[in-house]
């Protein structure tokens, strides 16, 4: 049987320490980057419940000890290393963050979960010192790390303040990094999401904000998934921003972001499809019109029950209709209520656009 990550942890920790101590050019960076796939695999094992300590003669808690040692070494490297070292550390945790974003559940159970990072305050302290004492580039990288560590950093008041205050930084790179971090926090914290939402609204309406900043802010609207109430509030504000914007690039990003946000709820999905259909009636550029149609397709793909037509019939790809039995109809419509289905059927029956793309 292949050794688990817990069984390999001591060897990985030693290899990382040797690499960081090496004076040969490129060796420390290589040692750091090698940890990326290791941490990603380790998180997958933990989330799958693979913890066979006895099989590999591991002392209970030994894996957590070495995991925290590895994380602490990476944080020390970030604090004391040059820009190349800092970038490599950030890349390692971005790899783990990508795995985090691909999970079906939002609650972290992997290597960077609050329950497993016993020395999280020490990690945050080291990166915070880089933010406080470093230049704009160092602050940017520190903010990205805070975002990657959102699962155990989101309750820290000082880190929250650094992220929110950086949203109004005069340096665009810091603002974009803080937007990334804020988006990570918004996925798991209701109160932080509400504060961020107000600041995003101000950024999007500010004539002083550059277009790249507004586009980055628009992408964050897809992140307000921590609760239905927050998602609903973000969705309403997003619609207001779309109505007040004439910039094609902003419209495209906002349409995609709100479509992703609406997909978390059947009710929001229904409302958003209705909005998109009505939006097509406006004078739109070909790019925006194409985006609207792609958004509708995305929602149909993620919510198959949207393909229902009047009564219990729906159209299959070859253009023929199939009749559903009452039990099949109940399974097909999922958590939609009869009233919602009635309203949805009314919408579809009057929409030539939907009939064309389904």
Protein backbone atom coordinates (compact mmCIF):
# COMPACT_ATOMS: atom_id res chain seq x y z
CA UNK A 1 0.00 0.00 0.00
CA UNK A 2 1.26 3.45 -0.90
CA UNK A 3 2.22 5.51 2.16
CA UNK A 4 -0.25 8.22 3.09
CA UNK A 5 0.73 11.87 3.30
CA UNK A 6 0.78 11.58 7.08
CA UNK A 7 3.40 8.84 6.78
CA UNK A 8 5.46 11.00 4.40
CA UNK A 9 5.13 14.19 6.43
CA UNK A 10 8.38 13.87 8.36
CA UNK A 11 10.38 13.26 5.18
CA UNK A 12 8.69 16.19 3.44
CA UNK A 13 9.41 18.45 6.39
CA UNK A 14 13.10 17.48 6.38
CA UNK A 15 13.38 17.97 2.61
CA UNK A 16 11.80 21.40 2.87
CA UNK A 17 14.15 22.43 5.67
CA UNK A 18 17.21 21.25 3.71
CA UNK A 19 16.03 23.08 0.60
CA UNK A 20 15.43 26.32 2.46
CA UNK A 21 18.88 26.17 4.05
CA UNK A 22 20.62 25.55 0.72
CA UNK A 23 22.78 28.35 -0.69
CA UNK A 24 22.52 27.05 -4.25
CA UNK A 25 20.49 29.34 -6.53
CA UNK A 26 17.00 28.05 -7.19
CA UNK A 27 17.08 25.23 -4.65
CA UNK A 28 14.95 26.97 -1.97
CA UNK A 29 12.32 27.91 -4.55
CA UNK A 30 12.24 24.37 -5.91
CA UNK A 31 11.85 22.93 -2.41
CA UNK A 32 8.94 25.27 -1.71
CA UNK A 33 7.14 24.59 -4.98
CA UNK A 34 7.39 20.84 -4.42
CA UNK A 35 5.16 21.29 -1.39
CA UNK A 36 2.21 22.46 -3.51
CA UNK A 37 1.12 19.04 -4.84
CA UNK A 38 1.93 17.47 -1.46
CA UNK A 39 -0.40 19.82 0.43
CA UNK A 40 -3.13 19.40 -2.16
CA UNK A 41 -2.95 15.61 -1.94
CA UNK A 42 -2.87 15.78 1.86
CA UNK A 43 -6.05 17.85 1.96
CA UNK A 44 -7.80 15.37 -0.32
CA UNK A 45 -6.86 12.52 2.00
CA UNK A 46 -8.08 14.36 5.08
CA UNK A 47 -11.40 15.26 3.45
CA UNK A 48 -11.84 11.63 2.42
CA UNK A 49 -11.25 10.47 5.99
CA UNK A 50 -8.04 8.59 5.18
CA UNK A 51 -6.15 8.58 8.49
CA UNK A 52 -4.61 5.08 8.90
CA UNK A 53 -2.08 6.06 11.57
CA UNK A 54 -1.77 2.57 13.00
CA UNK A 55 -0.94 1.00 9.65
CA UNK A 56 2.23 3.09 9.36
CA UNK A 57 3.16 3.09 13.07
CA UNK A 58 2.34 6.76 13.51
CA UNK A 59 1.86 8.22 16.95
CA UNK A 60 -1.54 9.96 17.28
CA UNK A 61 -1.07 13.64 16.48
CA UNK A 62 2.26 13.10 14.72
CA UNK A 63 0.83 14.04 11.33
CA UNK A 64 -0.58 17.32 12.68
CA UNK A 65 2.76 18.12 14.29
CA UNK A 66 4.66 17.79 11.02
CA UNK A 67 1.91 19.52 9.05
CA UNK A 68 2.13 22.55 11.31
CA UNK A 69 5.92 22.44 11.10
CA UNK A 70 5.75 22.55 7.30
CA UNK A 71 3.28 25.45 7.33
CA UNK A 72 5.42 27.35 9.80
CA UNK A 73 8.55 26.86 7.68
CA UNK A 74 6.70 28.20 4.65
CA UNK A 75 5.53 31.22 6.64
CA UNK A 76 9.08 31.84 7.86
CA UNK A 77 10.35 31.61 4.29
CA UNK A 78 7.73 34.15 3.23
CA UNK A 79 8.73 36.52 6.02
CA UNK A 80 12.49 36.33 5.49
CA UNK A 81 12.82 35.51 1.81
CA UNK A 82 13.25 37.67 -1.27
CA UNK A 83 10.51 38.36 -3.79
CA UNK A 84 11.09 35.08 -5.62
CA UNK A 85 10.76 33.13 -2.38
CA UNK A 86 7.60 35.02 -1.44
CA UNK A 87 6.07 34.34 -4.84
CA UNK A 88 6.81 30.62 -4.59
CA UNK A 89 5.15 30.41 -1.16
CA UNK A 90 2.07 32.18 -2.50
CA UNK A 91 1.93 29.79 -5.47
CA UNK A 92 1.95 26.80 -3.13
CA UNK A 93 -1.10 28.02 -1.25
CA UNK A 94 -2.86 29.12 -4.42
CA UNK A 95 -2.62 25.51 -5.61
CA UNK A 96 -4.34 24.41 -2.40
CA UNK A 97 -6.88 27.22 -2.81
CA UNK A 98 -7.75 25.98 -6.29
CA UNK A 99 -8.51 22.59 -4.79
CA UNK A 100 -10.61 24.38 -2.16
CA UNK A 101 -12.64 26.18 -4.84
CA UNK A 102 -13.34 22.91 -6.66
CA UNK A 103 -14.88 21.28 -3.60
CA UNK A 104 -18.62 20.76 -3.50
CA UNK A 105 -18.81 21.75 0.17
CA UNK A 106 -17.70 25.17 1.36
CA UNK A 107 -16.57 24.12 4.83
CA UNK A 108 -12.87 23.35 4.83
CA UNK A 109 -11.94 19.96 6.27
CA UNK A 110 -8.49 19.73 4.78
CA UNK A 111 -5.00 20.66 5.84
CA UNK A 112 -5.77 24.37 6.22
CA UNK A 113 -8.94 23.98 8.26
CA UNK A 114 -9.22 25.86 11.53
CA UNK A 115 -9.37 22.58 13.44
CA UNK A 116 -6.03 21.35 12.10
CA UNK A 117 -3.88 24.50 12.06
CA UNK A 118 -3.00 24.70 15.73
CA UNK A 119 -0.46 27.49 15.24
CA UNK A 120 -2.60 29.66 12.98
CA UNK A 121 -1.92 32.77 15.06
CA UNK A 122 1.82 32.33 14.50
CA UNK A 123 1.28 31.94 10.77
CA UNK A 124 -0.82 35.10 10.60
CA UNK A 125 1.67 36.99 12.77
CA UNK A 126 4.53 36.25 10.37
CA UNK A 127 2.63 37.28 7.26
CA UNK A 128 1.18 40.33 8.99
CA UNK A 129 4.71 41.53 9.77
CA UNK A 130 5.51 41.37 6.04
CA UNK A 131 2.41 43.43 5.31
CA UNK A 132 3.28 46.05 7.92
CA UNK A 133 6.97 46.39 7.08
CA UNK A 134 7.09 45.57 3.37
CA UNK A 135 6.66 47.54 0.16
CA UNK A 136 3.55 47.52 -2.02
CA UNK A 137 4.55 44.25 -3.69
CA UNK A 138 5.02 42.53 -0.33
CA UNK A 139 1.67 43.85 0.89
CA UNK A 140 0.04 42.47 -2.25
CA UNK A 141 1.48 38.99 -1.73
CA UNK A 142 0.56 39.04 1.96
CA UNK A 143 -3.05 39.87 1.10
CA UNK A 144 -3.19 36.94 -1.32
CA UNK A 145 -1.94 34.65 1.44
CA UNK A 146 -4.61 35.94 3.81
CA UNK A 147 -7.19 34.98 1.20
CA UNK A 148 -5.72 31.50 0.81
CA UNK A 149 -5.88 31.11 4.59
CA UNK A 150 -9.43 32.40 4.90
CA UNK A 151 -10.64 29.27 6.68
CA UNK A 152 -8.60 30.06 9.78
CA UNK A 153 -8.04 33.80 9.26
CA UNK A 154 -11.60 35.03 8.77
CA UNK A 155 -12.28 35.47 12.50
CA UNK A 156 -9.14 37.53 13.11
CA UNK A 157 -10.15 41.18 13.53
CA UNK A 158 -6.72 42.55 12.58
CA UNK A 159 -6.58 40.59 9.34
CA UNK A 160 -10.11 41.67 8.47
CA UNK A 161 -9.13 45.29 9.00
CA UNK A 162 -6.06 44.96 6.78
CA UNK A 163 -8.12 43.49 3.96
CA UNK A 164 -10.94 46.03 4.18
CA UNK A 165 -8.59 49.00 4.51
CA UNK A 166 -6.61 47.81 1.49
CA UNK A 167 -9.74 48.03 -0.64
CA UNK A 168 -9.23 51.81 -0.66
CA UNK A 169 -5.46 51.69 -1.16
CA UNK A 170 -4.00 54.10 -3.75
CA UNK A 171 -2.08 51.16 -5.26
CA UNK A 172 -4.13 49.12 -7.71
CA UNK A 173 -2.14 45.93 -7.09
CA UNK A 174 -3.02 46.06 -3.39
CA UNK A 175 -6.68 46.72 -4.16
CA UNK A 176 -6.87 43.74 -6.51
CA UNK A 177 -5.16 41.49 -3.96
CA UNK A 178 -7.51 42.68 -1.23
CA UNK A 179 -10.46 41.96 -3.53
CA UNK A 180 -9.21 38.40 -3.91
CA UNK A 181 -8.85 38.03 -0.14
CA UNK A 182 -12.24 39.62 0.49
CA UNK A 183 -13.86 37.21 -1.95
CA UNK A 184 -12.37 34.26 -0.08
CA UNK A 185 -13.65 35.62 3.24
CA UNK A 186 -17.11 36.39 1.81
CA UNK A 187 -17.64 32.72 0.98
CA UNK A 188 -17.65 31.77 4.66
CA UNK A 189 -18.51 34.88 6.70
CA UNK A 190 -21.89 36.63 6.61
CA UNK A 191 -20.90 39.77 8.49
CA UNK A 192 -17.72 40.27 6.50
CA UNK A 193 -19.69 39.75 3.28
CA UNK A 194 -22.19 42.47 4.21
CA UNK A 195 -19.42 45.00 4.87
CA UNK A 196 -17.59 44.06 1.69
CA UNK A 197 -20.77 44.34 -0.35
CA UNK A 198 -21.21 47.99 0.62
CA UNK A 199 -17.58 48.74 -0.23
CA UNK A 200 -17.88 46.99 -3.60
CA UNK A 201 -20.93 49.10 -4.43
CA UNK A 202 -18.92 52.26 -3.70
CA UNK A 203 -15.97 51.02 -5.77
CA UNK A 204 -18.18 50.20 -8.75
CA UNK A 205 -19.79 53.65 -8.62
CA UNK A 206 -16.58 55.59 -7.99
CA UNK A 207 -15.26 57.61 -10.96
CA UNK A 208 -11.80 57.40 -9.38
CA UNK A 209 -11.64 53.59 -9.59
CA UNK A 210 -9.90 52.26 -12.68
CA UNK A 211 -11.59 49.83 -15.07
CA UNK A 212 -9.38 46.85 -14.04
CA UNK A 213 -10.36 47.45 -10.40
CA UNK A 214 -14.05 47.62 -11.28
CA UNK A 215 -13.78 44.40 -13.29
CA UNK A 216 -12.05 42.67 -10.38
CA UNK A 217 -14.76 43.95 -8.04
CA UNK A 218 -17.48 42.70 -10.40
CA UNK A 219 -16.05 39.18 -10.24
CA UNK A 220 -16.42 39.13 -6.46
CA UNK A 221 -20.22 39.16 -6.71
CA UNK A 222 -20.10 35.46 -7.55
CA UNK A 223 -18.53 34.83 -4.12
CA UNK A 224 -21.43 35.94 -1.89
CA UNK A 225 -22.60 32.38 -1.28
CA UNK A 226 -22.25 32.10 2.49
CA UNK A 227 -26.03 32.33 3.05
CA UNK A 228 -29.20 32.90 1.08
CA UNK A 229 -29.85 36.29 2.71
CA UNK A 230 -26.41 37.58 1.72
CA UNK A 231 -26.73 36.12 -1.77
CA UNK A 232 -30.12 37.78 -2.23
CA UNK A 233 -28.79 41.15 -1.07
CA UNK A 234 -25.74 40.88 -3.34
CA UNK A 235 -27.94 39.87 -6.25
CA UNK A 236 -30.18 42.93 -5.85
CA UNK A 237 -27.20 45.27 -5.66
CA UNK A 238 -25.69 43.55 -8.69
CA UNK A 239 -28.86 44.17 -10.70
CA UNK A 240 -28.73 47.84 -9.73
CA UNK A 241 -25.13 48.08 -10.92
CA UNK A 242 -26.02 46.44 -14.23
CA UNK A 243 -28.88 48.88 -14.73
CA UNK A 244 -26.60 51.86 -14.09
CA UNK A 245 -23.65 50.67 -16.18
CA UNK A 246 -23.05 51.29 -19.85
CA UNK A 247 -19.57 49.79 -20.01
CA UNK A 248 -19.62 46.58 -22.03
CA UNK A 249 -16.77 44.90 -20.14
CA UNK A 250 -18.39 45.55 -16.77
CA UNK A 251 -21.76 44.32 -18.02
CA UNK A 252 -20.25 41.06 -19.26
CA UNK A 253 -18.47 40.32 -15.97
CA UNK A 254 -21.48 41.29 -13.86
CA UNK A 255 -23.81 39.11 -15.92
CA UNK A 256 -21.54 36.10 -15.46
CA UNK A 257 -21.03 36.79 -11.75
CA UNK A 258 -24.74 37.17 -11.01
CA UNK A 259 -25.50 34.02 -12.98
CA UNK A 260 -23.05 32.05 -10.83
CA UNK A 261 -24.50 33.63 -7.71
CA UNK A 262 -28.09 32.94 -8.72
CA UNK A 263 -27.31 29.29 -9.42
CA UNK A 264 -27.11 28.53 -5.68
CA UNK A 265 -30.85 29.01 -5.24
CA UNK A 266 -33.83 27.82 -7.25
CA UNK A 267 -35.70 31.03 -6.54
CA UNK A 268 -32.79 33.27 -7.50
CA UNK A 269 -32.26 31.20 -10.64
CA UNK A 270 -35.88 31.69 -11.67
CA UNK A 271 -35.67 35.44 -11.05
CA UNK A 272 -32.41 35.72 -12.92
CA UNK A 273 -33.66 33.85 -15.97
CA UNK A 274 -36.61 36.23 -16.11
CA UNK A 275 -34.25 39.20 -15.82
CA UNK A 276 -31.97 37.87 -18.57
CA UNK A 277 -34.88 37.33 -20.92
CA UNK A 278 -36.12 40.88 -20.37
CA UNK A 279 -32.55 42.18 -20.71
CA UNK A 280 -32.41 40.76 -24.23
CA UNK A 281 -35.12 43.20 -25.26
CA UNK A 282 -32.71 46.11 -24.82
CA UNK A 283 -30.38 47.53 -27.44
CA UNK A 284 -27.30 45.39 -26.76
CA UNK A 285 -23.99 44.85 -28.49
CA UNK A 286 -23.37 41.43 -29.98
CA UNK A 287 -20.90 40.63 -27.19
CA UNK A 288 -23.34 41.43 -24.41
CA UNK A 289 -26.17 39.58 -26.18
CA UNK A 290 -23.97 36.52 -26.56
CA UNK A 291 -23.07 36.75 -22.87
CA UNK A 292 -26.74 36.84 -21.86
CA UNK A 293 -27.47 33.72 -23.91
CA UNK A 294 -24.46 31.92 -22.44
CA UNK A 295 -25.66 32.83 -18.94
CA UNK A 296 -29.11 31.41 -19.66
CA UNK A 297 -27.51 28.24 -20.99
CA UNK A 298 -25.35 28.01 -17.85
CA UNK A 299 -28.43 28.25 -15.63
CA UNK A 300 -30.31 25.65 -17.66
CA UNK A 301 -27.36 23.29 -17.49
CA UNK A 302 -27.08 23.64 -13.70
CA UNK A 303 -30.83 23.59 -13.04
CA UNK A 304 -32.36 20.96 -15.34
CA UNK A 305 -35.81 21.64 -13.89
CA UNK A 306 -35.78 24.97 -15.74
CA UNK A 307 -36.39 23.01 -18.93
CA UNK A 308 -39.96 22.26 -17.93
CA UNK A 309 -42.69 23.62 -20.13
CA UNK A 310 -46.41 23.77 -19.61
CA UNK A 311 -47.98 20.97 -17.59
CA UNK A 312 -45.62 17.98 -17.45
CA UNK A 313 -43.91 18.09 -20.85
CA UNK A 314 -40.36 19.06 -21.68
CA UNK A 315 -38.39 19.16 -24.89
CA UNK A 316 -35.49 16.77 -25.39
CA UNK A 317 -32.53 17.63 -27.65
CA UNK A 318 -33.99 15.99 -30.77
CA UNK A 319 -37.02 18.29 -30.59
CA UNK A 320 -39.53 15.65 -29.48
CA UNK A 321 -41.60 15.87 -26.34
CA UNK A 322 -41.81 13.39 -23.50
CA UNK A 323 -44.60 12.98 -20.99
CA UNK A 324 -43.70 12.58 -17.33
CA UNK A 325 -45.67 10.54 -14.84
CA UNK A 326 -46.70 12.32 -11.60
CA UNK A 327 -43.85 10.68 -9.67
CA UNK A 328 -41.33 11.50 -12.40
CA UNK A 329 -42.62 15.07 -12.48
CA UNK A 330 -42.09 15.46 -8.72
CA UNK A 331 -38.54 14.13 -9.01
CA UNK A 332 -37.85 16.35 -12.01
CA UNK A 333 -39.05 19.60 -10.48
CA UNK A 334 -36.97 19.03 -7.32
CA UNK A 335 -37.57 21.65 -4.62
CA UNK A 336 -39.70 23.92 -6.81
CA UNK A 337 -43.16 24.65 -5.43
CA UNK A 338 -46.24 24.34 -7.63
CA UNK A 339 -46.65 28.13 -7.64
CA UNK A 340 -43.05 28.58 -8.78
CA UNK A 341 -43.57 26.01 -11.52
CA UNK A 342 -46.70 27.81 -12.69
CA UNK A 343 -44.87 31.15 -12.90
CA UNK A 344 -41.95 29.51 -14.67
CA UNK A 345 -44.20 27.86 -17.24
CA UNK A 346 -45.83 31.23 -17.93
CA UNK A 347 -42.41 32.74 -18.51
CA UNK A 348 -41.35 29.97 -20.88
CA UNK A 349 -44.59 29.95 -22.84
CA UNK A 350 -44.05 33.62 -23.81
CA UNK A 351 -40.35 33.41 -24.54
CA UNK A 352 -39.18 32.60 -28.04
CA UNK A 353 -35.58 33.06 -26.94
CA UNK A 354 -35.79 30.29 -24.36
CA UNK A 355 -37.49 27.99 -26.82
CA UNK A 356 -34.58 28.46 -29.19
CA UNK A 357 -31.75 27.69 -26.80
CA UNK A 358 -33.15 24.93 -24.60
